[in-house]
Amino acid sequence: QVQLVESGGGLVQTGGSLRLSCAASGRIFSIDAMGWYRQAPGKQRELVASISAGGSISYTDSVKGRFAISRDNAKNTVHLQMNSLKPEDTAVYLCYAATVGGLLWGQGTQVTVSS
């Protein structure tokens, strides 16, 4: 059974940093894009950052210059370095991986930024 396991969320003050990690385990033949969505209470799920197997990266405008996504294809892991955090970054962050079998999702990790 394939699963994504996330780590690294928590509580941080405005201006602080957090690093999220997501590791895929199980019988995985190939992973295309990996990345992170977030969902805040009362808001739609938002794609925060994604990275293709070839290394192409995209970010939502609100995190450009503050967040950095990276991945290790050999280890099927993806990371999200989040700097200069703001209260509006508060959300549950969900890792995803696009595979030939469909989309995989992590369980979500809470990020809370206090003002």
PDB file of N, CA and C in Angstrom:
ATOM      1  N   GLN A   1       0.845  -1.185   0.000  1.00  0.00           N
ATOM      2  CA  GLN A   1       0.000   0.000   0.000  1.00  0.00           C
ATOM      3  C   GLN A   1       0.884   1.238   0.000  1.00  0.00           C
ATOM      4  N   VAL A   2       0.605   2.155  -0.932  1.00  0.00           N
ATOM      5  CA  VAL A   2       1.395   3.373  -1.031  1.00  0.00           C
ATOM      6  C   VAL A   2       0.807   4.427  -0.113  1.00  0.00           C
ATOM      7  N   GLN A   3       1.659   5.136   0.577  1.00  0.00           N
ATOM      8  CA  GLN A   3       1.182   6.232   1.409  1.00  0.00           C
ATOM      9  C   GLN A   3       2.193   7.357   1.441  1.00  0.00           C
ATOM     10  N   LEU A   4       1.673   8.547   1.750  1.00  0.00           N
ATOM     11  CA  LEU A   4       2.504   9.731   1.925  1.00  0.00           C
ATOM     12  C   LEU A   4       2.460  10.107   3.389  1.00  0.00           C
ATOM     13  N   VAL A   5       3.622  10.302   3.975  1.00  0.00           N
ATOM     14  CA  VAL A   5       3.709  10.660   5.386  1.00  0.00           C
ATOM     15  C   VAL A   5       4.373  12.015   5.500  1.00  0.00           C
ATOM     16  N   GLU A   6       3.677  12.935   6.145  1.00  0.00           N
ATOM     17  CA  GLU A   6       4.159  14.302   6.275  1.00  0.00           C
ATOM     18  C   GLU A   6       4.718  14.546   7.677  1.00  0.00           C
ATOM     19  N   SER A   7       5.573  15.539   7.750  1.00  0.00           N
ATOM     20  CA  SER A   7       6.100  15.965   9.038  1.00  0.00           C
ATOM     21  C   SER A   7       6.517  17.415   8.939  1.00  0.00           C
ATOM     22  N   GLY A   8       6.671  18.050  10.102  1.00  0.00           N
ATOM     23  CA  GLY A   8       7.255  19.385  10.134  1.00  0.00           C
ATOM     24  C   GLY A   8       6.320  20.532  10.418  1.00  0.00           C
ATOM     25  N   GLY A   9       5.037  20.311  10.552  1.00  0.00           N
ATOM     26  CA  GLY A   9       4.137  21.416  10.870  1.00  0.00           C
ATOM     27  C   GLY A   9       4.307  21.859  12.310  1.00  0.00           C
ATOM     28  N   GLY A  10       3.564  22.897  12.676  1.00  0.00           N
ATOM     29  CA  GLY A  10       3.633  23.368  14.049  1.00  0.00           C
ATOM     30  C   GLY A  10       3.188  24.796  14.186  1.00  0.00           C
ATOM     31  N   LEU A  11       3.517  25.371  15.327  1.00  0.00           N
ATOM     32  CA  LEU A  11       3.162  26.745  15.666  1.00  0.00           C
ATOM     33  C   LEU A  11       4.411  27.609  15.600  1.00  0.00           C
ATOM     34  N   VAL A  12       4.298  28.735  14.918  1.00  0.00           N
ATOM     35  CA  VAL A  12       5.440  29.638  14.784  1.00  0.00           C
ATOM     36  C   VAL A  12       4.933  31.070  14.795  1.00  0.00           C
ATOM     37  N   GLN A  13       5.783  31.983  15.215  1.00  0.00           N
ATOM     38  CA  GLN A  13       5.412  33.398  15.209  1.00  0.00           C
ATOM     39  C   GLN A  13       5.581  33.992  13.815  1.00  0.00           C
ATOM     40  N   THR A  14       4.911  35.105  13.581  1.00  0.00           N
ATOM     41  CA  THR A  14       5.052  35.830  12.321  1.00  0.00           C
ATOM     42  C   THR A  14       6.526  36.108  12.052  1.00  0.00           C
ATOM     43  N   GLY A  15       6.933  35.832  10.828  1.00  0.00           N
ATOM     44  CA  GLY A  15       8.322  36.019  10.439  1.00  0.00           C
ATOM     45  C   GLY A  15       9.188  34.792  10.622  1.00  0.00           C
ATOM     46  N   GLY A  16       8.646  33.779  11.266  1.00  0.00           N
ATOM     47  CA  GLY A  16       9.406  32.564  11.508  1.00  0.00           C
ATOM     48  C   GLY A  16       9.444  31.640  10.315  1.00  0.00           C
ATOM     49  N   SER A  17      10.057  30.484  10.528  1.00  0.00           N
ATOM     50  CA  SER A  17      10.236  29.511   9.450  1.00  0.00           C
ATOM     51  C   SER A  17       9.820  28.124   9.902  1.00  0.00           C
ATOM     52  N   LEU A  18       9.391  27.342   8.946  1.00  0.00           N
ATOM     53  CA  LEU A  18       9.104  25.927   9.153  1.00  0.00           C
ATOM     54  C   LEU A  18       9.514  25.177   7.894  1.00  0.00           C
ATOM     55  N   ARG A  19       9.836  23.905   8.077  1.00  0.00           N
ATOM     56  CA  ARG A  19      10.168  23.057   6.933  1.00  0.00           C
ATOM     57  C   ARG A  19       9.273  21.833   6.981  1.00  0.00           C
ATOM     58  N   LEU A  20       8.488  21.663   5.935  1.00  0.00           N
ATOM     59  CA  LEU A  20       7.627  20.498   5.817  1.00  0.00           C
ATOM     60  C   LEU A  20       8.307  19.444   4.961  1.00  0.00           C
ATOM     61  N   SER A  21       8.095  18.201   5.328  1.00  0.00           N
ATOM     62  CA  SER A  21       8.632  17.097   4.549  1.00  0.00           C
ATOM     63  C   SER A  21       7.526  16.082   4.280  1.00  0.00           C
ATOM     64  N   CYS A  22       7.658  15.397   3.171  1.00  0.00           N
ATOM     65  CA  CYS A  22       6.673  14.391   2.792  1.00  0.00           C
ATOM     66  C   CYS A  22       7.410  13.247   2.123  1.00  0.00           C
ATOM     67  N   ALA A  23       7.208  12.044   2.630  1.00  0.00           N
ATOM     68  CA  ALA A  23       7.877  10.872   2.086  1.00  0.00           C
ATOM     69  C   ALA A  23       6.846   9.869   1.587  1.00  0.00           C
ATOM     70  N   ALA A  24       7.051   9.402   0.380  1.00  0.00           N
ATOM     71  CA  ALA A  24       6.189   8.375  -0.188  1.00  0.00           C
ATOM     72  C   ALA A  24       6.806   7.008   0.078  1.00  0.00           C
ATOM     73  N   SER A  25       5.981   6.092   0.528  1.00  0.00           N
ATOM     74  CA  SER A  25       6.477   4.746   0.800  1.00  0.00           C
ATOM     75  C   SER A  25       5.520   3.720   0.205  1.00  0.00           C
ATOM     76  N   GLY A  26       6.047   2.525   0.030  1.00  0.00           N
ATOM     77  CA  GLY A  26       5.229   1.473  -0.557  1.00  0.00           C
ATOM     78  C   GLY A  26       5.693   1.156  -1.958  1.00  0.00           C
ATOM     79  N   ARG A  27       4.858   0.451  -2.676  1.00  0.00           N
ATOM     80  CA  ARG A  27       5.210   0.007  -4.020  1.00  0.00           C
ATOM     81  C   ARG A  27       4.883   1.113  -5.016  1.00  0.00           C
ATOM     82  N   ILE A  28       5.882   1.925  -5.319  1.00  0.00           N
ATOM     83  CA  ILE A  28       5.695   3.061  -6.209  1.00  0.00           C
ATOM     84  C   ILE A  28       6.502   2.842  -7.472  1.00  0.00           C
ATOM     85  N   PHE A  29       5.842   2.885  -8.610  1.00  0.00           N
ATOM     86  CA  PHE A  29       6.557   2.664  -9.860  1.00  0.00           C
ATOM     87  C   PHE A  29       7.141   3.960 -10.390  1.00  0.00           C
ATOM     88  N   SER A  30       6.371   5.016 -10.346  1.00  0.00           N
ATOM     89  CA  SER A  30       6.893   6.302 -10.784  1.00  0.00           C
ATOM     90  C   SER A  30       6.005   7.402 -10.241  1.00  0.00           C
ATOM     91  N   ILE A  31       6.628   8.510  -9.933  1.00  0.00           N
ATOM     92  CA  ILE A  31       5.909   9.690  -9.457  1.00  0.00           C
ATOM     93  C   ILE A  31       6.216  10.830 -10.401  1.00  0.00           C
ATOM     94  N   ASP A  32       5.187  11.518 -10.872  1.00  0.00           N
ATOM     95  CA  ASP A  32       5.402  12.689 -11.707  1.00  0.00           C
ATOM     96  C   ASP A  32       5.505  13.893 -10.777  1.00  0.00           C
ATOM     97  N   ALA A  33       4.518  14.721 -10.727  1.00  0.00           N
ATOM     98  CA  ALA A  33       4.588  15.915  -9.891  1.00  0.00           C
ATOM     99  C   ALA A  33       4.363  15.581  -8.420  1.00  0.00           C
ATOM    100  N   MET A  34       5.002  16.339  -7.579  1.00  0.00           N
ATOM    101  CA  MET A  34       4.758  16.320  -6.134  1.00  0.00           C
ATOM    102  C   MET A  34       4.586  17.753  -5.691  1.00  0.00           C
ATOM    103  N   GLY A  35       3.918  17.913  -4.571  1.00  0.00           N
ATOM    104  CA  GLY A  35       3.773  19.292  -4.105  1.00  0.00           C
ATOM    105  C   GLY A  35       2.901  19.385  -2.879  1.00  0.00           C
ATOM    106  N   TRP A  36       2.447  20.609  -2.649  1.00  0.00           N
ATOM    107  CA  TRP A  36       1.691  20.912  -1.446  1.00  0.00           C
ATOM    108  C   TRP A  36       0.470  21.767  -1.758  1.00  0.00           C
ATOM    109  N   TYR A  37      -0.646  21.366  -1.192  1.00  0.00           N
ATOM    110  CA  TYR A  37      -1.834  22.187  -1.131  1.00  0.00           C
ATOM    111  C   TYR A  37      -1.980  22.665   0.311  1.00  0.00           C
ATOM    112  N   ARG A  38      -2.829  23.660   0.490  1.00  0.00           N
ATOM    113  CA  ARG A  38      -3.199  24.048   1.844  1.00  0.00           C
ATOM    114  C   ARG A  38      -4.674  24.401   1.876  1.00  0.00           C
ATOM    115  N   GLN A  39      -5.247  24.201   3.044  1.00  0.00           N
ATOM    116  CA  GLN A  39      -6.656  24.534   3.225  1.00  0.00           C
ATOM    117  C   GLN A  39      -6.852  25.191   4.569  1.00  0.00           C
ATOM    118  N   ALA A  40      -7.339  26.411   4.528  1.00  0.00           N
ATOM    119  CA  ALA A  40      -7.649  27.161   5.733  1.00  0.00           C
ATOM    120  C   ALA A  40      -9.152  27.074   5.986  1.00  0.00           C
ATOM    121  N   PRO A  41      -9.572  27.229   7.227  1.00  0.00           N
ATOM    122  CA  PRO A  41     -11.004  27.155   7.546  1.00  0.00           C
ATOM    123  C   PRO A  41     -11.816  28.140   6.715  1.00  0.00           C
ATOM    124  N   GLY A  42     -12.857  27.644   6.085  1.00  0.00           N
ATOM    125  CA  GLY A  42     -13.735  28.498   5.304  1.00  0.00           C
ATOM    126  C   GLY A  42     -13.209  28.895   3.948  1.00  0.00           C
ATOM    127  N   LYS A  43     -12.060  28.364   3.566  1.00  0.00           N
ATOM    128  CA  LYS A  43     -11.476  28.721   2.268  1.00  0.00           C
ATOM    129  C   LYS A  43     -11.307  27.478   1.400  1.00  0.00           C
ATOM    130  N   GLN A  44     -11.195  27.712   0.101  1.00  0.00           N
ATOM    131  CA  GLN A  44     -10.967  26.606  -0.823  1.00  0.00           C
ATOM    132  C   GLN A  44      -9.541  26.098  -0.704  1.00  0.00           C
ATOM    133  N   ARG A  45      -9.390  24.838  -1.055  1.00  0.00           N
ATOM    134  CA  ARG A  45      -8.049  24.261  -1.079  1.00  0.00           C
ATOM    135  C   ARG A  45      -7.235  24.980  -2.152  1.00  0.00           C
ATOM    136  N   GLU A  46      -6.000  25.313  -1.819  1.00  0.00           N
ATOM    137  CA  GLU A  46      -5.138  26.103  -2.691  1.00  0.00           C
ATOM    138  C   GLU A  46      -3.841  25.364  -2.967  1.00  0.00           C
ATOM    139  N   LEU A  47      -3.456  25.317  -4.233  1.00  0.00           N
ATOM    140  CA  LEU A  47      -2.162  24.741  -4.582  1.00  0.00           C
ATOM    141  C   LEU A  47      -1.067  25.737  -4.220  1.00  0.00           C
ATOM    142  N   VAL A  48      -0.191  25.352  -3.343  1.00  0.00           N
ATOM    143  CA  VAL A  48       0.857  26.247  -2.845  1.00  0.00           C
ATOM    144  C   VAL A  48       2.105  26.157  -3.720  1.00  0.00           C
ATOM    145  N   ALA A  49       2.570  24.946  -3.955  1.00  0.00           N
ATOM    146  CA  ALA A  49       3.802  24.758  -4.718  1.00  0.00           C
ATOM    147  C   ALA A  49       3.819  23.359  -5.299  1.00  0.00           C
ATOM    148  N   SER A  50       4.440  23.237  -6.459  1.00  0.00           N
ATOM    149  CA  SER A  50       4.575  21.922  -7.069  1.00  0.00           C
ATOM    150  C   SER A  50       5.916  21.824  -7.772  1.00  0.00           C
ATOM    151  N   ILE A  51       6.377  20.588  -7.920  1.00  0.00           N
ATOM    152  CA  ILE A  51       7.643  20.343  -8.608  1.00  0.00           C
ATOM    153  C   ILE A  51       7.500  19.060  -9.398  1.00  0.00           C
ATOM    154  N   SER A  52       7.879  19.121 -10.669  1.00  0.00           N
ATOM    155  CA  SER A  52       7.768  17.945 -11.534  1.00  0.00           C
ATOM    156  C   SER A  52       8.962  17.028 -11.312  1.00  0.00           C
ATOM    157  N   ALA A  53       8.884  15.846 -11.885  1.00  0.00           N
ATOM    158  CA  ALA A  53       9.991  14.907 -11.771  1.00  0.00           C
ATOM    159  C   ALA A  53      11.254  15.481 -12.402  1.00  0.00           C
ATOM    160  N   GLY A  54      11.081  16.338 -13.392  1.00  0.00           N
ATOM    161  CA  GLY A  54      12.217  16.955 -14.051  1.00  0.00           C
ATOM    162  C   GLY A  54      12.706  18.212 -13.377  1.00  0.00           C
ATOM    163  N   GLY A  55      12.007  18.644 -12.330  1.00  0.00           N
ATOM    164  CA  GLY A  55      12.470  19.794 -11.558  1.00  0.00           C
ATOM    165  C   GLY A  55      11.785  21.110 -11.873  1.00  0.00           C
ATOM    166  N   SER A  56      10.771  21.100 -12.726  1.00  0.00           N
ATOM    167  CA  SER A  56      10.042  22.337 -12.983  1.00  0.00           C
ATOM    168  C   SER A  56       9.198  22.692 -11.770  1.00  0.00           C
ATOM    169  N   ILE A  57       9.265  23.968 -11.375  1.00  0.00           N
ATOM    170  CA  ILE A  57       8.659  24.417 -10.119  1.00  0.00           C
ATOM    171  C   ILE A  57       7.656  25.530 -10.383  1.00  0.00           C
ATOM    172  N   SER A  58       6.582  25.515  -9.627  1.00  0.00           N
ATOM    173  CA  SER A  58       5.639  26.630  -9.658  1.00  0.00           C
ATOM    174  C   SER A  58       5.153  26.909  -8.252  1.00  0.00           C
ATOM    175  N   TYR A  59       4.805  28.165  -8.008  1.00  0.00           N
ATOM    176  CA  TYR A  59       4.309  28.624  -6.716  1.00  0.00           C
ATOM    177  C   TYR A  59       3.077  29.470  -6.920  1.00  0.00           C
ATOM    178  N   THR A  60       2.208  29.467  -5.935  1.00  0.00           N
ATOM    179  CA  THR A  60       1.139  30.438  -5.945  1.00  0.00           C
ATOM    180  C   THR A  60       1.751  31.799  -5.615  1.00  0.00           C
ATOM    181  N   ASP A  61       1.153  32.864  -6.143  1.00  0.00           N
ATOM    182  CA  ASP A  61       1.774  34.187  -6.037  1.00  0.00           C
ATOM    183  C   ASP A  61       2.057  34.610  -4.602  1.00  0.00           C
ATOM    184  N   SER A  62       1.179  34.250  -3.689  1.00  0.00           N
ATOM    185  CA  SER A  62       1.306  34.757  -2.317  1.00  0.00           C
ATOM    186  C   SER A  62       2.513  34.200  -1.570  1.00  0.00           C
ATOM    187  N   VAL A  63       3.147  33.148  -2.080  1.00  0.00           N
ATOM    188  CA  VAL A  63       4.296  32.568  -1.367  1.00  0.00           C
ATOM    189  C   VAL A  63       5.607  32.749  -2.127  1.00  0.00           C
ATOM    190  N   LYS A  64       5.540  33.321  -3.321  1.00  0.00           N
ATOM    191  CA  LYS A  64       6.772  33.508  -4.104  1.00  0.00           C
ATOM    192  C   LYS A  64       7.760  34.370  -3.342  1.00  0.00           C
ATOM    193  N   GLY A  65       9.010  33.922  -3.325  1.00  0.00           N
ATOM    194  CA  GLY A  65      10.052  34.634  -2.609  1.00  0.00           C
ATOM    195  C   GLY A  65      10.158  34.266  -1.139  1.00  0.00           C
ATOM    196  N   ARG A  66       9.177  33.531  -0.627  1.00  0.00           N
ATOM    197  CA  ARG A  66       9.203  33.132   0.785  1.00  0.00           C
ATOM    198  C   ARG A  66       9.302  31.622   0.961  1.00  0.00           C
ATOM    199  N   PHE A  67       8.685  30.874   0.070  1.00  0.00           N
ATOM    200  CA  PHE A  67       8.676  29.411   0.163  1.00  0.00           C
ATOM    201  C   PHE A  67       9.587  28.827  -0.913  1.00  0.00           C
ATOM    202  N   ALA A  68      10.163  27.661  -0.612  1.00  0.00           N
ATOM    203  CA  ALA A  68      10.987  26.958  -1.592  1.00  0.00           C
ATOM    204  C   ALA A  68      10.679  25.470  -1.524  1.00  0.00           C
ATOM    205  N   ILE A  69      10.349  24.898  -2.667  1.00  0.00           N
ATOM    206  CA  ILE A  69      10.056  23.470  -2.738  1.00  0.00           C
ATOM    207  C   ILE A  69      11.241  22.743  -3.340  1.00  0.00           C
ATOM    208  N   SER A  70      11.478  21.541  -2.847  1.00  0.00           N
ATOM    209  CA  SER A  70      12.547  20.713  -3.386  1.00  0.00           C
ATOM    210  C   SER A  70      12.127  19.250  -3.280  1.00  0.00           C
ATOM    211  N   ARG A  71      12.795  18.392  -4.030  1.00  0.00           N
ATOM    212  CA  ARG A  71      12.461  16.971  -3.955  1.00  0.00           C
ATOM    213  C   ARG A  71      13.694  16.121  -4.175  1.00  0.00           C
ATOM    214  N   ASP A  72      13.615  14.917  -3.655  1.00  0.00           N
ATOM    215  CA  ASP A  72      14.660  13.922  -3.862  1.00  0.00           C
ATOM    216  C   ASP A  72      13.983  12.746  -4.551  1.00  0.00           C
ATOM    217  N   ASN A  73      14.198  12.605  -5.856  1.00  0.00           N
ATOM    218  CA  ASN A  73      13.511  11.564  -6.611  1.00  0.00           C
ATOM    219  C   ASN A  73      13.911  10.167  -6.156  1.00  0.00           C
ATOM    220  N   ALA A  74      15.157  10.008  -5.768  1.00  0.00           N
ATOM    221  CA  ALA A  74      15.621   8.683  -5.346  1.00  0.00           C
ATOM    222  C   ALA A  74      14.923   8.227  -4.072  1.00  0.00           C
ATOM    223  N   LYS A  75      14.556   9.193  -3.238  1.00  0.00           N
ATOM    224  CA  LYS A  75      13.922   8.860  -1.955  1.00  0.00           C
ATOM    225  C   LYS A  75      12.421   9.122  -1.966  1.00  0.00           C
ATOM    226  N   ASN A  76      11.901   9.583  -3.115  1.00  0.00           N
ATOM    227  CA  ASN A  76      10.467   9.896  -3.218  1.00  0.00           C
ATOM    228  C   ASN A  76      10.023  10.833  -2.095  1.00  0.00           C
ATOM    229  N   THR A  77      10.792  11.867  -1.877  1.00  0.00           N
ATOM    230  CA  THR A  77      10.448  12.842  -0.852  1.00  0.00           C
ATOM    231  C   THR A  77      10.352  14.243  -1.456  1.00  0.00           C
ATOM    232  N   VAL A  78       9.542  15.059  -0.825  1.00  0.00           N
ATOM    233  CA  VAL A  78       9.422  16.452  -1.221  1.00  0.00           C
ATOM    234  C   VAL A  78       9.424  17.299   0.046  1.00  0.00           C
ATOM    235  N   HIS A  79      10.038  18.470  -0.057  1.00  0.00           N
ATOM    236  CA  HIS A  79      10.151  19.356   1.092  1.00  0.00           C
ATOM    237  C   HIS A  79       9.619  20.733   0.729  1.00  0.00           C
ATOM    238  N   LEU A  80       9.133  21.431   1.733  1.00  0.00           N
ATOM    239  CA  LEU A  80       8.692  22.806   1.548  1.00  0.00           C
ATOM    240  C   LEU A  80       9.303  23.647   2.651  1.00  0.00           C
ATOM    241  N   GLN A  81      10.267  24.470   2.288  1.00  0.00           N
ATOM    242  CA  GLN A  81      10.869  25.410   3.222  1.00  0.00           C
ATOM    243  C   GLN A  81      10.041  26.678   3.216  1.00  0.00           C
ATOM    244  N   MET A  82       9.520  27.039   4.360  1.00  0.00           N
ATOM    245  CA  MET A  82       8.630  28.197   4.460  1.00  0.00           C
ATOM    246  C   MET A  82       9.282  29.237   5.358  1.00  0.00           C
ATOM    247  N   ASN A  83       9.610  30.378   4.781  1.00  0.00           N
ATOM    248  CA  ASN A  83      10.248  31.473   5.512  1.00  0.00           C
ATOM    249  C   ASN A  83       9.328  32.686   5.548  1.00  0.00           C
ATOM    250  N   SER A  84       9.642  33.615   6.427  1.00  0.00           N
ATOM    251  CA  SER A  84       8.868  34.847   6.551  1.00  0.00           C
ATOM    252  C   SER A  84       7.370  34.545   6.621  1.00  0.00           C
ATOM    253  N   LEU A  85       7.030  33.623   7.481  1.00  0.00           N
ATOM    254  CA  LEU A  85       5.640  33.191   7.577  1.00  0.00           C
ATOM    255  C   LEU A  85       4.741  34.302   8.091  1.00  0.00           C
ATOM    256  N   LYS A  86       3.513  34.281   7.574  1.00  0.00           N
ATOM    257  CA  LYS A  86       2.508  35.280   7.925  1.00  0.00           C
ATOM    258  C   LYS A  86       1.281  34.570   8.499  1.00  0.00           C
ATOM    259  N   PRO A  87       0.475  35.291   9.269  1.00  0.00           N
ATOM    260  CA  PRO A  87      -0.741  34.656   9.799  1.00  0.00           C
ATOM    261  C   PRO A  87      -1.630  34.070   8.711  1.00  0.00           C
ATOM    262  N   GLU A  88      -1.633  34.679   7.544  1.00  0.00           N
ATOM    263  CA  GLU A  88      -2.482  34.161   6.462  1.00  0.00           C
ATOM    264  C   GLU A  88      -1.952  32.862   5.860  1.00  0.00           C
ATOM    265  N   ASP A  89      -0.783  32.427   6.275  1.00  0.00           N
ATOM    266  CA  ASP A  89      -0.267  31.119   5.855  1.00  0.00           C
ATOM    267  C   ASP A  89      -0.832  29.989   6.717  1.00  0.00           C
ATOM    268  N   THR A  90      -1.531  30.355   7.774  1.00  0.00           N
ATOM    269  CA  THR A  90      -2.115  29.352   8.660  1.00  0.00           C
ATOM    270  C   THR A  90      -3.102  28.480   7.898  1.00  0.00           C
ATOM    271  N   ALA A  91      -2.883  27.165   7.955  1.00  0.00           N
ATOM    272  CA  ALA A  91      -3.723  26.223   7.223  1.00  0.00           C
ATOM    273  C   ALA A  91      -3.252  24.804   7.520  1.00  0.00           C
ATOM    274  N   VAL A  92      -4.039  23.857   7.070  1.00  0.00           N
ATOM    275  CA  VAL A  92      -3.569  22.470   7.003  1.00  0.00           C
ATOM    276  C   VAL A  92      -2.881  22.296   5.653  1.00  0.00           C
ATOM    277  N   TYR A  93      -1.658  21.836   5.693  1.00  0.00           N
ATOM    278  CA  TYR A  93      -0.878  21.640   4.469  1.00  0.00           C
ATOM    279  C   TYR A  93      -0.903  20.152   4.113  1.00  0.00           C
ATOM    280  N   LEU A  94      -1.277  19.878   2.867  1.00  0.00           N
ATOM    281  CA  LEU A  94      -1.402  18.499   2.400  1.00  0.00           C
ATOM    282  C   LEU A  94      -0.430  18.244   1.260  1.00  0.00           C
ATOM    283  N   CYS A  95       0.347  17.221   1.420  1.00  0.00           N
ATOM    284  CA  CYS A  95       1.268  16.781   0.385  1.00  0.00           C
ATOM    285  C   CYS A  95       0.505  15.943  -0.636  1.00  0.00           C
ATOM    286  N   TYR A  96       0.911  16.042  -1.903  1.00  0.00           N
ATOM    287  CA  TYR A  96       0.318  15.169  -2.911  1.00  0.00           C
ATOM    288  C   TYR A  96       1.413  14.646  -3.831  1.00  0.00           C
ATOM    289  N   ALA A  97       1.097  13.540  -4.471  1.00  0.00           N
ATOM    290  CA  ALA A  97       1.994  12.965  -5.468  1.00  0.00           C
ATOM    291  C   ALA A  97       1.143  12.434  -6.609  1.00  0.00           C
ATOM    292  N   ALA A  98       1.511  12.792  -7.819  1.00  0.00           N
ATOM    293  CA  ALA A  98       0.805  12.323  -9.005  1.00  0.00           C
ATOM    294  C   ALA A  98       1.504  11.088  -9.550  1.00  0.00           C
ATOM    295  N   THR A  99       0.797   9.981  -9.558  1.00  0.00           N
ATOM    296  CA  THR A  99       1.361   8.725 -10.045  1.00  0.00           C
ATOM    297  C   THR A  99       0.513   8.193 -11.196  1.00  0.00           C
ATOM    298  N   VAL A 100       0.983   7.150 -11.826  1.00  0.00           N
ATOM    299  CA  VAL A 100       0.209   6.552 -12.916  1.00  0.00           C
ATOM    300  C   VAL A 100      -1.101   5.976 -12.408  1.00  0.00           C
ATOM    301  N   GLY A 101      -1.149   5.693 -11.109  1.00  0.00           N
ATOM    302  CA  GLY A 101      -2.359   5.141 -10.521  1.00  0.00           C
ATOM    303  C   GLY A 101      -3.318   6.190 -10.003  1.00  0.00           C
ATOM    304  N   GLY A 102      -2.923   7.452 -10.119  1.00  0.00           N
ATOM    305  CA  GLY A 102      -3.772   8.529  -9.634  1.00  0.00           C
ATOM    306  C   GLY A 102      -3.062   9.392  -8.611  1.00  0.00           C
ATOM    307  N   LEU A 103      -3.810  10.299  -8.006  1.00  0.00           N
ATOM    308  CA  LEU A 103      -3.248  11.207  -7.015  1.00  0.00           C
ATOM    309  C   LEU A 103      -3.200  10.540  -5.647  1.00  0.00           C
ATOM    310  N   LEU A 104      -2.088  10.718  -4.976  1.00  0.00           N
ATOM    311  CA  LEU A 104      -1.939  10.288  -3.595  1.00  0.00           C
ATOM    312  C   LEU A 104      -1.934  11.516  -2.706  1.00  0.00           C
ATOM    313  N   TRP A 105      -2.474  11.377  -1.505  1.00  0.00           N
ATOM    314  CA  TRP A 105      -2.534  12.498  -0.565  1.00  0.00           C
ATOM    315  C   TRP A 105      -1.949  12.097   0.776  1.00  0.00           C
ATOM    316  N   GLY A 106      -1.278  13.047   1.398  1.00  0.00           N
ATOM    317  CA  GLY A 106      -0.856  12.870   2.764  1.00  0.00           C
ATOM    318  C   GLY A 106      -2.008  13.141   3.702  1.00  0.00           C
ATOM    319  N   GLN A 107      -1.750  12.937   5.003  1.00  0.00           N
ATOM    320  CA  GLN A 107      -2.812  13.101   5.995  1.00  0.00           C
ATOM    321  C   GLN A 107      -3.012  14.559   6.376  1.00  0.00           C
ATOM    322  N   GLY A 108      -2.072  15.418   6.007  1.00  0.00           N
ATOM    323  CA  GLY A 108      -2.165  16.832   6.350  1.00  0.00           C
ATOM    324  C   GLY A 108      -1.398  17.144   7.621  1.00  0.00           C
ATOM    325  N   THR A 109      -0.801  18.310   7.634  1.00  0.00           N
ATOM    326  CA  THR A 109      -0.091  18.773   8.820  1.00  0.00           C
ATOM    327  C   THR A 109      -0.473  20.228   9.069  1.00  0.00           C
ATOM    328  N   GLN A 110      -0.747  20.551  10.317  1.00  0.00           N
ATOM    329  CA  GLN A 110      -1.213  21.896  10.665  1.00  0.00           C
ATOM    330  C   GLN A 110      -0.047  22.853  10.778  1.00  0.00           C
ATOM    331  N   VAL A 111      -0.187  23.989  10.129  1.00  0.00           N
ATOM    332  CA  VAL A 111       0.749  25.099  10.275  1.00  0.00           C
ATOM    333  C   VAL A 111      -0.035  26.277  10.826  1.00  0.00           C
ATOM    334  N   THR A 112       0.409  26.787  11.958  1.00  0.00           N
ATOM    335  CA  THR A 112      -0.251  27.916  12.586  1.00  0.00           C
ATOM    336  C   THR A 112       0.771  29.020  12.803  1.00  0.00           C
ATOM    337  N   VAL A 113       0.466  30.195  12.280  1.00  0.00           N
ATOM    338  CA  VAL A 113       1.359  31.344  12.414  1.00  0.00           C
ATOM    339  C   VAL A 113       0.657  32.371  13.285  1.00  0.00           C
ATOM    340  N   SER A 114       1.245  32.661  14.416  1.00  0.00           N
ATOM    341  CA  SER A 114       0.647  33.606  15.350  1.00  0.00           C
ATOM    342  C   SER A 114       1.128  35.025  15.062  1.00  0.00           C
ATOM    343  N   SER A 115       0.244  35.971  15.288  1.00  0.00           N
ATOM    344  CA  SER A 115       0.593  37.381  15.024  1.00  0.00           C
ATOM    345  C   SER A 115       1.184  38.043  16.253  1.00  0.00           C
TER     346      SER A 115
END
